[in-house]
C-alpha atoms as a PDB file:
ATOM      1  CA  UNK A   1      23.023 -56.735 -36.975  1.00  0.00           C
ATOM      2  CA  UNK A   2      24.981 -57.992 -39.958  1.00  0.00           C
ATOM      3  CA  UNK A   3      27.109 -60.153 -37.662  1.00  0.00           C
ATOM      4  CA  UNK A   4      24.010 -62.357 -37.334  1.00  0.00           C
ATOM      5  CA  UNK A   5      23.465 -62.695 -41.087  1.00  0.00           C
ATOM      6  CA  UNK A   6      24.547 -66.353 -41.081  1.00  0.00           C
ATOM      7  CA  UNK A   7      21.913 -67.173 -38.462  1.00  0.00           C
ATOM      8  CA  UNK A   8      19.209 -65.211 -40.281  1.00  0.00           C
ATOM      9  CA  UNK A   9      19.906 -66.997 -43.574  1.00  0.00           C
ATOM     10  CA  UNK A  10      19.088 -70.288 -41.833  1.00  0.00           C
ATOM     11  CA  UNK A  11      15.691 -69.116 -40.559  1.00  0.00           C
ATOM     12  CA  UNK A  12      12.500 -70.082 -42.403  1.00  0.00           C
ATOM     13  CA  UNK A  13      11.535 -66.417 -42.849  1.00  0.00           C
ATOM     14  CA  UNK A  14      14.602 -65.597 -44.953  1.00  0.00           C
ATOM     15  CA  UNK A  15      15.181 -68.888 -46.746  1.00  0.00           C
ATOM     16  CA  UNK A  16      16.620 -68.384 -50.235  1.00  0.00           C
ATOM     17  CA  UNK A  17      17.310 -64.667 -49.780  1.00  0.00           C
ATOM     18  CA  UNK A  18      20.531 -62.831 -50.520  1.00  0.00           C
ATOM     19  CA  UNK A  19      22.491 -60.810 -47.965  1.00  0.00           C
ATOM     20  CA  UNK A  20      21.292 -57.614 -49.666  1.00  0.00           C
ATOM     21  CA  UNK A  21      17.630 -58.676 -49.497  1.00  0.00           C
ATOM     22  CA  UNK A  22      17.911 -59.555 -45.808  1.00  0.00           C
ATOM     23  CA  UNK A  23      19.582 -56.204 -45.108  1.00  0.00           C
ATOM     24  CA  UNK A  24      16.764 -54.394 -46.964  1.00  0.00           C
ATOM     25  CA  UNK A  25      14.149 -56.283 -44.945  1.00  0.00           C
ATOM     26  CA  UNK A  26      15.942 -55.450 -41.696  1.00  0.00           C
ATOM     27  CA  UNK A  27      15.525 -51.771 -42.518  1.00  0.00           C
ATOM     28  CA  UNK A  28      11.912 -52.157 -43.661  1.00  0.00           C
ATOM     29  CA  UNK A  29      10.792 -54.256 -40.687  1.00  0.00           C
ATOM     30  CA  UNK A  30      12.181 -52.102 -37.875  1.00  0.00           C
ATOM     31  CA  UNK A  31      14.555 -54.676 -36.438  1.00  0.00           C
ATOM     32  CA  UNK A  32      15.577 -54.537 -32.796  1.00  0.00           C
ATOM     33  CA  UNK A  33      17.841 -56.861 -30.852  1.00  0.00           C
ATOM     34  CA  UNK A  34      17.245 -57.655 -27.205  1.00  0.00           C
ATOM     35  CA  UNK A  35      19.371 -59.611 -24.727  1.00  0.00           C
ATOM     36  CA  UNK A  36      17.826 -61.691 -21.939  1.00  0.00           C
ATOM     37  CA  UNK A  37      19.358 -63.321 -18.879  1.00  0.00           C
ATOM     38  CA  UNK A  38      18.498 -66.820 -17.723  1.00  0.00           C
ATOM     39  CA  UNK A  39      15.012 -66.814 -16.205  1.00  0.00           C
ATOM     40  CA  UNK A  40      14.000 -63.510 -17.781  1.00  0.00           C
ATOM     41  CA  UNK A  41      10.695 -63.420 -19.662  1.00  0.00           C
ATOM     42  CA  UNK A  42      10.731 -62.380 -23.310  1.00  0.00           C
ATOM     43  CA  UNK A  43       6.972 -61.866 -23.191  1.00  0.00           C
ATOM     44  CA  UNK A  44       4.061 -63.010 -21.057  1.00  0.00           C
ATOM     45  CA  UNK A  45       0.761 -64.663 -21.852  1.00  0.00           C
ATOM     46  CA  UNK A  46      -1.693 -61.804 -22.204  1.00  0.00           C
ATOM     47  CA  UNK A  47       0.775 -59.504 -23.971  1.00  0.00           C
ATOM     48  CA  UNK A  48       0.064 -58.151 -27.446  1.00  0.00           C
ATOM     49  CA  UNK A  49       2.763 -59.014 -29.991  1.00  0.00           C
ATOM     50  CA  UNK A  50       3.651 -56.954 -33.049  1.00  0.00           C
ATOM     51  CA  UNK A  51       6.946 -58.651 -33.841  1.00  0.00           C
ATOM     52  CA  UNK A  52       8.289 -62.049 -34.756  1.00  0.00           C
ATOM     53  CA  UNK A  53      11.224 -63.201 -32.633  1.00  0.00           C
ATOM     54  CA  UNK A  54      14.246 -65.066 -33.983  1.00  0.00           C
ATOM     55  CA  UNK A  55      16.679 -66.620 -31.511  1.00  0.00           C
ATOM     56  CA  UNK A  56      20.213 -65.570 -32.456  1.00  0.00           C
ATOM     57  CA  UNK A  57      22.064 -67.191 -29.572  1.00  0.00           C
ATOM     58  CA  UNK A  58      21.186 -68.974 -26.360  1.00  0.00           C
ATOM     59  CA  UNK A  59      17.877 -70.758 -25.842  1.00  0.00           C
ATOM     60  CA  UNK A  60      14.357 -70.158 -24.593  1.00  0.00           C
ATOM     61  CA  UNK A  61      11.198 -72.094 -23.808  1.00  0.00           C
ATOM     62  CA  UNK A  62       7.650 -71.444 -24.892  1.00  0.00           C
ATOM     63  CA  UNK A  63       5.640 -72.181 -21.767  1.00  0.00           C
ATOM     64  CA  UNK A  64       2.103 -72.231 -20.503  1.00  0.00           C
ATOM     65  CA  UNK A  65       1.456 -71.612 -16.817  1.00  0.00           C
ATOM     66  CA  UNK A  66      -1.645 -72.584 -14.889  1.00  0.00           C
ATOM     67  CA  UNK A  67      -3.324 -70.721 -12.051  1.00  0.00           C
ATOM     68  CA  UNK A  68      -1.002 -72.323  -9.459  1.00  0.00           C
ATOM     69  CA  UNK A  69       2.195 -71.462 -11.340  1.00  0.00           C
ATOM     70  CA  UNK A  70       2.851 -74.919 -12.772  1.00  0.00           C
ATOM     71  CA  UNK A  71       4.669 -74.669 -16.099  1.00  0.00           C
ATOM     72  CA  UNK A  72       4.259 -76.798 -19.182  1.00  0.00           C
ATOM     73  CA  UNK A  73       7.069 -76.506 -21.715  1.00  0.00           C
ATOM     74  CA  UNK A  74       5.461 -76.427 -25.151  1.00  0.00           C
ATOM     75  CA  UNK A  75       8.608 -75.878 -27.225  1.00  0.00           C
ATOM     76  CA  UNK A  76      12.356 -75.405 -26.951  1.00  0.00           C
ATOM     77  CA  UNK A  77      13.763 -72.522 -28.992  1.00  0.00           C
ATOM     78  CA  UNK A  78      17.358 -72.721 -30.225  1.00  0.00           C
ATOM     79  CA  UNK A  79      19.305 -70.382 -32.546  1.00  0.00           C
ATOM     80  CA  UNK A  80      17.611 -69.828 -35.944  1.00  0.00           C
ATOM     81  CA  UNK A  81      14.173 -70.713 -34.549  1.00  0.00           C
ATOM     82  CA  UNK A  82      11.272 -68.269 -34.766  1.00  0.00           C
ATOM     83  CA  UNK A  83       8.392 -67.646 -32.416  1.00  0.00           C
ATOM     84  CA  UNK A  84       5.430 -65.337 -32.006  1.00  0.00           C
ATOM     85  CA  UNK A  85       4.443 -65.290 -35.664  1.00  0.00           C
ATOM     86  CA  UNK A  86       0.833 -66.348 -35.040  1.00  0.00           C
ATOM     87  CA  UNK A  87       0.396 -63.586 -32.447  1.00  0.00           C
ATOM     88  CA  UNK A  88       2.282 -60.942 -34.452  1.00  0.00           C
ATOM     89  CA  UNK A  89      -0.019 -61.481 -37.435  1.00  0.00           C
ATOM     90  CA  UNK A  90      -3.051 -60.680 -35.250  1.00  0.00           C
ATOM     91  CA  UNK A  91      -1.796 -57.967 -32.897  1.00  0.00           C
ATOM     92  CA  UNK A  92      -5.245 -57.325 -31.451  1.00  0.00           C
ATOM     93  CA  UNK A  93      -5.153 -60.797 -29.877  1.00  0.00           C
ATOM     94  CA  UNK A  94      -3.421 -61.623 -26.609  1.00  0.00           C
ATOM     95  CA  UNK A  95      -0.629 -64.187 -26.537  1.00  0.00           C
ATOM     96  CA  UNK A  96      -1.746 -67.433 -24.904  1.00  0.00           C
ATOM     97  CA  UNK A  97       1.782 -68.522 -23.985  1.00  0.00           C
ATOM     98  CA  UNK A  98       4.897 -66.992 -22.449  1.00  0.00           C
ATOM     99  CA  UNK A  99       8.511 -67.196 -23.600  1.00  0.00           C
ATOM    100  CA  UNK A 100      11.332 -67.392 -21.059  1.00  0.00           C
ATOM    101  CA  UNK A 101      15.107 -67.450 -21.596  1.00  0.00           C
ATOM    102  CA  UNK A 102      16.699 -70.581 -20.144  1.00  0.00           C
ATOM    103  CA  UNK A 103      20.238 -69.246 -20.591  1.00  0.00           C
ATOM    104  CA  UNK A 104      21.678 -65.888 -21.698  1.00  0.00           C
ATOM    105  CA  UNK A 105      19.878 -65.301 -24.997  1.00  0.00           C
ATOM    106  CA  UNK A 106      19.879 -62.770 -27.832  1.00  0.00           C
ATOM    107  CA  UNK A 107      16.684 -62.353 -29.842  1.00  0.00           C
ATOM    108  CA  UNK A 108      16.100 -60.298 -32.972  1.00  0.00           C
ATOM    109  CA  UNK A 109      12.573 -58.906 -33.362  1.00  0.00           C
ATOM    110  CA  UNK A 110      11.031 -58.080 -36.749  1.00  0.00           C
ATOM    111  CA  UNK A 111       7.859 -55.980 -36.912  1.00  0.00           C
ATOM    112  CA  UNK A 112       5.585 -57.943 -39.230  1.00  0.00           C
ATOM    113  CA  UNK A 113       3.038 -55.088 -39.310  1.00  0.00           C
ATOM    114  CA  UNK A 114       5.421 -53.117 -41.531  1.00  0.00           C
ATOM    115  CA  UNK A 115       4.705 -55.636 -44.301  1.00  0.00           C
ATOM    116  CA  UNK A 116       0.948 -54.988 -44.213  1.00  0.00           C
ATOM    117  CA  UNK A 117       1.288 -52.038 -46.601  1.00  0.00           C
ATOM    118  CA  UNK A 118       2.939 -52.953 -49.885  1.00  0.00           C
ATOM    119  CA  UNK A 119       5.763 -50.747 -51.065  1.00  0.00           C
ATOM    120  CA  UNK A 120       5.837 -50.853 -54.872  1.00  0.00           C
ATOM    121  CA  UNK A 121       9.640 -50.863 -54.947  1.00  0.00           C
ATOM    122  CA  UNK A 122       9.784 -53.875 -52.602  1.00  0.00           C
ATOM    123  CA  UNK A 123       6.565 -55.685 -53.468  1.00  0.00           C
ATOM    124  CA  UNK A 124       8.293 -58.828 -54.750  1.00  0.00           C
ATOM    125  CA  UNK A 125      10.524 -59.049 -51.681  1.00  0.00           C
ATOM    126  CA  UNK A 126       7.574 -58.520 -49.342  1.00  0.00           C
ATOM    127  CA  UNK A 127       5.676 -61.279 -51.144  1.00  0.00           C
ATOM    128  CA  UNK A 128       8.603 -63.679 -50.614  1.00  0.00           C
ATOM    129  CA  UNK A 129       8.543 -62.956 -46.880  1.00  0.00           C
ATOM    130  CA  UNK A 130       4.765 -63.560 -46.793  1.00  0.00           C
ATOM    131  CA  UNK A 131       5.190 -66.802 -48.768  1.00  0.00           C
ATOM    132  CA  UNK A 132       7.882 -67.991 -46.347  1.00  0.00           C
ATOM    133  CA  UNK A 133       5.736 -67.017 -43.360  1.00  0.00           C
ATOM    134  CA  UNK A 134       2.625 -68.777 -44.694  1.00  0.00           C
ATOM    135  CA  UNK A 135       4.707 -71.893 -45.410  1.00  0.00           C
ATOM    136  CA  UNK A 136       6.067 -71.853 -41.851  1.00  0.00           C
ATOM    137  CA  UNK A 137       2.596 -71.389 -40.350  1.00  0.00           C
ATOM    138  CA  UNK A 138       1.271 -74.249 -42.492  1.00  0.00           C
ATOM    139  CA  UNK A 139       4.083 -76.540 -41.316  1.00  0.00           C
ATOM    140  CA  UNK A 140       3.437 -75.679 -37.669  1.00  0.00           C
ATOM    141  CA  UNK A 141      -0.295 -76.218 -38.211  1.00  0.00           C
ATOM    142  CA  UNK A 142       0.402 -79.671 -39.645  1.00  0.00           C
ATOM    143  CA  UNK A 143       2.527 -80.591 -36.608  1.00  0.00           C
ATOM    144  CA  UNK A 144      -0.208 -79.408 -34.231  1.00  0.00           C
ATOM    145  CA  UNK A 145      -2.831 -81.376 -36.166  1.00  0.00           C
ATOM    146  CA  UNK A 146      -0.724 -84.530 -35.801  1.00  0.00           C
ATOM    147  CA  UNK A 147      -0.335 -83.904 -32.064  1.00  0.00           C
ATOM    148  CA  UNK A 148      -4.099 -83.524 -31.699  1.00  0.00           C
ATOM    149  CA  UNK A 149      -4.641 -86.741 -33.640  1.00  0.00           C
ATOM    150  CA  UNK A 150      -2.230 -88.659 -31.401  1.00  0.00           C
ATOM    151  CA  UNK A 151      -3.624 -87.205 -28.191  1.00  0.00           C
ATOM    152  CA  UNK A 152      -7.223 -87.879 -29.162  1.00  0.00           C
ATOM    153  CA  UNK A 153      -6.652 -91.577 -29.919  1.00  0.00           C
ATOM    154  CA  UNK A 154      -8.861 -93.845 -27.919  1.00  0.00           C
ATOM    155  CA  UNK A 155      -6.918 -96.082 -25.598  1.00  0.00           C
ATOM    156  CA  UNK A 156      -7.400 -99.835 -25.415  1.00  0.00           C
END
């Protein structure tokens, strides 16, 4: 896992953290790495997520499929990009999108639920992860709000 430390340091979740802090969080958050082939689904709409995914190598698409199988690509995921955080923070909810690898891809999954109980020895580090996560969610919310504003403009 430490071979991917350079990629992890560039992700919004671990911004400003030392190698030692990232290693500690890897142990705390039950990290698992998964490889996917081109065309393989990482998860499906309707699945319950408990982990945040970080693309280490390769690429994937966040997609939405309709009843007839037509796909809309909502986002392209490249190395260092995260996904699933909104679903992982509310594991009782079903994902409304799917993620599919568009080339051979390695993804590191972090169980966000492990941060729900505060460990007194790691409280400050856990708070930094939560701060980074809230900042990321706020940025994504701002982007979505702008998209809604543009799409809801009245035409001439």
